[in-house]
Amino acid sequence: MYRIYYSSIGTEVTKAIQGGGSPVTIASVNFQGTAVTDTTSISFGNGTQVLSLASADQPSENVLATSTPATITVAGPTTQSTPPAEINPPGGGGDMMATPSATPTTNQNPLCTSLIADNVSSESAPFTVMFTANGNDPDGTINKVTYNFGDGSVQEATSSGGLGTNTVNPQVSYTYQTNGLFTANATFTDDKGGISDPTTCSLTISVGPAALSATPTQPPVAMKKLLPTGPGQILMIVGAAGVAVMVIGGVLLFGL
């Protein structure tokens, strides 16, 4: 318990506390807690008085506004220091106190296992083909399939066919408008941005008649050796053009 005494100043008016209508501090008390948190009460006794010297007040008039008890709480420190991590010096044999860091994982790209078409050839354009790409992702999900039809057209599939899971088989339909040979392929994109190898899912589509060779090849020349009809006589027939070469006794005879 704390007691505060303030004795009278007697008739020395200059020493009187003057508030001028505003609250005035007449004393300061410092408290020290005996625990982390300590609570104590402040109360006024029955003999507590504040007497006025003002001419407007009666002599020895008690002008104490209130003597209602009050409670104060003295709080100790609320934060605790965190001890530093214990790190062994070079050559030390003890364990190191350190927070293990997460080991980054490497994303595995999705796999396109096959590209199938309901028909791969047509006599002429326009020619509509239904493509089906099959594949999976070993460590995630496949969110998109990109079809390249080989004629400059590209189409993306982002729904149906299992997209959003790890095993997919989406289908798309495409119509070729010109004749020719076209190499179509499909690539998968997974949830981490990995892309499959387009060479594992490719297919050749043939539209229209096959192109003719630019330079026709000549048939092979047939050669036949006839039996000799006389000494030193050899007859050779070359090709189908009917050109005959006859060697008779060292003389060459050309005839058409």
Protein backbone atom coordinates (compact mmCIF):
# COMPACT_ATOMS: atom_id res chain seq x y z
CA MET A 1 0.00 0.00 0.00
CA TYR A 2 1.20 3.50 -0.86
CA ARG A 3 0.32 6.64 1.14
CA ILE A 4 0.78 10.17 -0.16
CA TYR A 5 0.90 13.09 2.25
CA TYR A 6 0.68 16.74 1.24
CA SER A 7 0.86 19.12 4.16
CA SER A 8 -0.80 22.50 4.40
CA ILE A 9 0.98 25.59 3.13
CA GLY A 10 -0.56 27.73 5.80
CA THR A 11 -1.30 31.30 4.95
CA GLU A 12 1.44 31.63 2.29
CA VAL A 13 -0.81 32.33 -0.68
CA THR A 14 2.05 32.43 -3.21
CA LYS A 15 2.68 28.76 -2.58
CA ALA A 16 -0.89 27.75 -3.30
CA ILE A 17 -1.52 25.54 -6.35
CA GLN A 18 -3.40 27.47 -8.96
CA GLY A 19 -5.19 25.61 -11.68
CA GLY A 20 -6.86 28.44 -13.50
CA GLY A 21 -9.86 26.25 -14.31
CA SER A 22 -7.71 23.39 -15.77
CA PRO A 23 -6.49 20.15 -14.14
CA VAL A 24 -3.14 20.56 -12.37
CA THR A 25 -0.66 17.86 -11.38
CA ILE A 26 0.24 18.10 -7.71
CA ALA A 27 2.29 14.89 -7.42
CA SER A 28 3.77 12.02 -9.45
CA VAL A 29 4.06 8.48 -8.13
CA ASN A 30 6.20 5.74 -9.75
CA PHE A 31 5.17 2.12 -9.28
CA GLN A 32 7.33 -0.97 -9.86
CA GLY A 33 5.63 -4.30 -10.44
CA THR A 34 6.67 -7.34 -8.42
CA ALA A 35 5.65 -9.77 -11.19
CA VAL A 36 5.28 -9.78 -14.96
CA THR A 37 1.87 -8.17 -14.41
CA ASP A 38 0.90 -6.52 -11.10
CA THR A 39 -2.35 -4.79 -10.19
CA THR A 40 -2.84 -2.35 -7.31
CA SER A 41 -5.55 0.03 -6.07
CA ILE A 42 -5.48 3.76 -5.30
CA SER A 43 -7.98 5.03 -2.75
CA PHE A 44 -8.57 8.13 -0.66
CA GLY A 45 -9.03 8.07 3.11
CA ASN A 46 -11.85 9.72 5.00
CA GLY A 47 -9.61 12.60 5.99
CA THR A 48 -8.54 13.48 2.48
CA GLN A 49 -9.11 17.16 1.80
CA VAL A 50 -8.25 19.78 -0.76
CA LEU A 51 -8.82 23.21 0.80
CA SER A 52 -9.33 26.39 -1.17
CA LEU A 53 -7.79 29.81 -0.60
CA ALA A 54 -9.89 31.46 -3.27
CA SER A 55 -11.86 34.49 -2.19
CA ALA A 56 -14.95 33.01 -3.77
CA ASP A 57 -14.79 29.95 -1.47
CA GLN A 58 -15.47 29.67 2.21
CA PRO A 59 -12.49 29.47 4.55
CA SER A 60 -11.17 25.90 4.79
CA GLU A 61 -13.66 24.76 2.14
CA ASN A 62 -12.91 21.27 0.85
CA VAL A 63 -12.91 21.46 -2.95
CA LEU A 64 -11.92 17.81 -3.59
CA ALA A 65 -13.90 16.78 -6.67
CA THR A 66 -13.98 13.01 -6.06
CA SER A 67 -12.46 10.33 -3.88
CA THR A 68 -13.53 7.30 -5.93
CA PRO A 69 -10.88 4.53 -5.69
CA ALA A 70 -8.89 3.73 -8.83
CA THR A 71 -7.03 0.62 -10.01
CA ILE A 72 -3.76 0.58 -11.95
CA THR A 73 -1.95 -2.33 -13.59
CA VAL A 74 1.81 -2.44 -13.96
CA ALA A 75 2.75 -4.69 -16.88
CA GLY A 76 6.16 -6.20 -17.49
CA PRO A 77 7.84 -6.85 -20.86
CA THR A 78 5.50 -8.46 -23.41
CA THR A 79 8.09 -9.62 -25.93
CA GLN A 80 10.73 -12.27 -25.57
CA SER A 81 13.92 -12.31 -27.54
CA THR A 82 14.41 -15.22 -29.88
CA PRO A 83 17.72 -17.02 -29.43
CA PRO A 84 19.86 -17.06 -32.55
CA ALA A 85 20.22 -20.26 -34.50
CA GLU A 86 23.07 -22.41 -33.27
CA ILE A 87 25.66 -22.89 -35.98
CA ASN A 88 28.71 -25.05 -35.47
CA PRO A 89 32.12 -23.46 -36.07
CA PRO A 90 34.33 -25.03 -38.76
CA GLY A 91 35.39 -28.47 -37.65
CA GLY A 92 32.71 -28.77 -34.99
CA GLY A 93 31.11 -32.12 -34.43
CA GLY A 94 27.71 -31.10 -33.07
CA ASP A 95 24.43 -30.85 -34.85
CA MET A 96 23.48 -27.59 -36.56
CA MET A 97 20.19 -26.04 -35.56
CA ALA A 98 18.84 -24.74 -38.84
CA THR A 99 15.46 -24.80 -40.51
CA PRO A 100 15.57 -27.25 -43.43
CA SER A 101 14.67 -25.68 -46.74
CA ALA A 102 12.25 -27.32 -49.14
CA THR A 103 13.90 -29.19 -51.99
CA PRO A 104 12.69 -27.83 -55.34
CA THR A 105 11.11 -30.42 -57.60
CA THR A 106 11.62 -30.62 -61.35
CA ASN A 107 8.48 -30.70 -63.47
CA GLN A 108 8.08 -33.67 -65.79
CA ASN A 109 6.71 -32.75 -69.19
CA PRO A 110 3.45 -34.37 -70.35
CA LEU A 111 3.56 -37.24 -72.84
CA CYS A 112 1.59 -37.46 -76.09
CA THR A 113 1.50 -41.17 -76.89
CA SER A 114 -0.52 -41.23 -80.12
CA LEU A 115 -2.38 -39.13 -82.68
CA ILE A 116 -5.23 -40.93 -84.47
CA ALA A 117 -7.40 -39.84 -87.44
CA ASP A 118 -10.64 -41.42 -88.59
CA ASN A 119 -9.36 -41.19 -92.20
CA VAL A 120 -5.96 -40.21 -93.59
CA SER A 121 -6.58 -39.90 -97.36
CA SER A 122 -9.11 -38.46 -99.78
CA GLU A 123 -9.45 -38.21 -103.55
CA SER A 124 -9.89 -34.43 -103.39
CA ALA A 125 -10.50 -31.46 -101.12
CA PRO A 126 -12.46 -30.43 -99.14
CA PHE A 127 -11.64 -33.29 -96.76
CA THR A 128 -12.81 -33.40 -93.08
CA VAL A 129 -10.75 -35.37 -90.55
CA MET A 130 -11.51 -36.16 -86.90
CA PHE A 131 -8.27 -36.16 -84.83
CA THR A 132 -7.83 -37.78 -81.40
CA ALA A 133 -4.70 -37.12 -79.29
CA ASN A 134 -3.93 -39.50 -76.41
CA GLY A 135 -1.48 -38.93 -73.56
CA ASN A 136 -0.81 -38.33 -69.87
CA ASP A 137 1.17 -36.26 -67.36
CA PRO A 138 3.21 -38.22 -64.77
CA ASP A 139 3.27 -35.45 -62.12
CA GLY A 140 0.41 -33.05 -62.83
CA THR A 141 -2.53 -32.33 -65.09
CA ILE A 142 -2.86 -31.54 -68.80
CA ASN A 143 -4.67 -28.25 -69.37
CA LYS A 144 -4.35 -27.72 -73.12
CA VAL A 145 -3.79 -29.62 -76.38
CA THR A 146 -2.56 -27.75 -79.47
CA TYR A 147 -3.27 -29.27 -82.89
CA ASN A 148 -1.16 -28.23 -85.89
CA PHE A 149 -2.78 -29.52 -89.10
CA GLY A 150 0.26 -29.01 -91.33
CA ASP A 151 -1.34 -26.51 -93.72
CA GLY A 152 -0.67 -23.45 -91.52
CA SER A 153 -3.79 -23.87 -89.36
CA VAL A 154 -3.57 -24.38 -85.57
CA GLN A 155 -6.39 -25.16 -83.12
CA GLU A 156 -6.38 -25.45 -79.30
CA ALA A 157 -8.54 -27.72 -77.17
CA THR A 158 -9.01 -26.64 -73.52
CA SER A 159 -12.08 -28.60 -72.44
CA SER A 160 -13.56 -32.12 -72.66
CA GLY A 161 -11.58 -35.25 -73.37
CA GLY A 162 -10.26 -35.36 -69.78
CA LEU A 163 -8.48 -32.01 -69.94
CA GLY A 164 -7.71 -30.82 -66.42
CA THR A 165 -6.71 -34.34 -65.35
CA ASN A 166 -3.53 -36.38 -65.86
CA THR A 167 -4.90 -38.62 -68.68
CA VAL A 168 -6.57 -37.08 -71.75
CA ASN A 169 -7.92 -37.97 -75.21
CA PRO A 170 -9.54 -34.80 -76.65
CA GLN A 171 -10.92 -34.74 -80.20
CA VAL A 172 -11.06 -31.98 -82.81
CA SER A 173 -12.48 -31.89 -86.34
CA TYR A 174 -10.71 -30.09 -89.20
CA THR A 175 -11.45 -29.67 -92.93
CA TYR A 176 -8.61 -29.46 -95.46
CA GLN A 177 -9.52 -27.06 -98.27
CA THR A 178 -6.63 -27.83 -100.67
CA ASN A 179 -5.02 -30.94 -102.07
CA GLY A 180 -1.60 -32.06 -100.91
CA LEU A 181 0.33 -34.03 -98.30
CA PHE A 182 0.11 -32.54 -94.77
CA THR A 183 1.93 -33.57 -91.55
CA ALA A 184 -0.35 -32.96 -88.57
CA ASN A 185 0.84 -33.11 -84.95
CA ALA A 186 -0.40 -32.52 -81.39
CA THR A 187 1.36 -31.10 -78.30
CA PHE A 188 0.22 -31.16 -74.65
CA THR A 189 0.72 -28.35 -72.09
CA ASP A 190 0.56 -29.21 -68.37
CA ASP A 191 -0.35 -27.13 -65.31
CA LYS A 192 3.28 -26.07 -64.77
CA GLY A 193 3.89 -24.97 -68.37
CA GLY A 194 5.63 -28.14 -69.54
CA ILE A 195 5.14 -29.07 -73.23
CA SER A 196 5.24 -32.51 -74.82
CA ASP A 197 7.46 -33.48 -77.77
CA PRO A 198 5.48 -32.85 -81.01
CA THR A 199 7.43 -35.51 -82.92
CA THR A 200 5.89 -38.29 -80.82
CA CYS A 201 2.39 -37.44 -82.05
CA SER A 202 2.41 -36.79 -85.80
CA LEU A 203 0.40 -38.11 -88.73
CA THR A 204 0.49 -37.64 -92.54
CA ILE A 205 -2.76 -36.70 -94.25
CA SER A 206 -3.06 -37.15 -98.06
CA VAL A 207 -5.65 -35.05 -99.89
CA GLY A 208 -6.14 -35.36 -103.66
CA PRO A 209 -4.26 -37.43 -106.29
CA ALA A 210 -0.58 -38.12 -105.76
CA ALA A 211 1.82 -35.71 -107.49
CA LEU A 212 3.40 -37.01 -110.69
CA SER A 213 7.15 -37.23 -110.98
CA ALA A 214 8.65 -34.18 -112.68
CA THR A 215 10.99 -36.20 -114.96
CA PRO A 216 9.69 -39.49 -116.40
CA THR A 217 12.20 -42.27 -116.37
CA GLN A 218 13.13 -44.15 -119.59
CA PRO A 219 12.68 -47.92 -119.62
CA PRO A 220 15.96 -49.85 -119.40
CA VAL A 221 17.65 -50.70 -122.70
CA ALA A 222 17.28 -54.35 -123.65
CA MET A 223 20.36 -55.96 -125.17
CA LYS A 224 20.41 -59.35 -126.84
CA LYS A 225 23.36 -61.18 -128.26
CA LEU A 226 22.59 -63.39 -131.23
CA LEU A 227 24.45 -66.48 -132.08
CA PRO A 228 27.14 -65.90 -134.75
CA THR A 229 26.08 -66.74 -138.30
CA GLY A 230 29.54 -66.87 -139.65
CA PRO A 231 33.14 -66.15 -138.88
CA GLY A 232 33.63 -62.80 -137.29
CA GLN A 233 29.94 -61.85 -137.60
CA ILE A 234 28.05 -60.45 -134.55
CA LEU A 235 24.54 -59.01 -134.62
CA MET A 236 23.37 -56.77 -131.70
CA ILE A 237 19.86 -55.33 -131.37
CA VAL A 238 19.60 -52.28 -129.06
CA GLY A 239 16.38 -50.94 -127.58
CA ALA A 240 12.87 -50.90 -128.91
CA ALA A 241 13.52 -48.17 -131.47
CA GLY A 242 14.63 -50.70 -134.05
CA VAL A 243 18.21 -49.45 -134.40
CA ALA A 244 20.41 -52.34 -135.50
CA VAL A 245 24.16 -52.50 -135.44
CA MET A 246 25.75 -55.22 -137.50
CA VAL A 247 29.41 -56.02 -137.51
CA ILE A 248 30.40 -58.09 -140.50
CA GLY A 249 34.06 -58.64 -141.14
CA GLY A 250 35.07 -55.42 -139.45
CA VAL A 251 32.60 -53.27 -141.45
CA LEU A 252 29.82 -51.39 -139.55
CA LEU A 253 26.48 -51.06 -141.27
CA PHE A 254 23.91 -48.67 -139.80
CA GLY A 255 20.35 -49.06 -140.91
CA LEU A 256 17.11 -47.47 -139.87
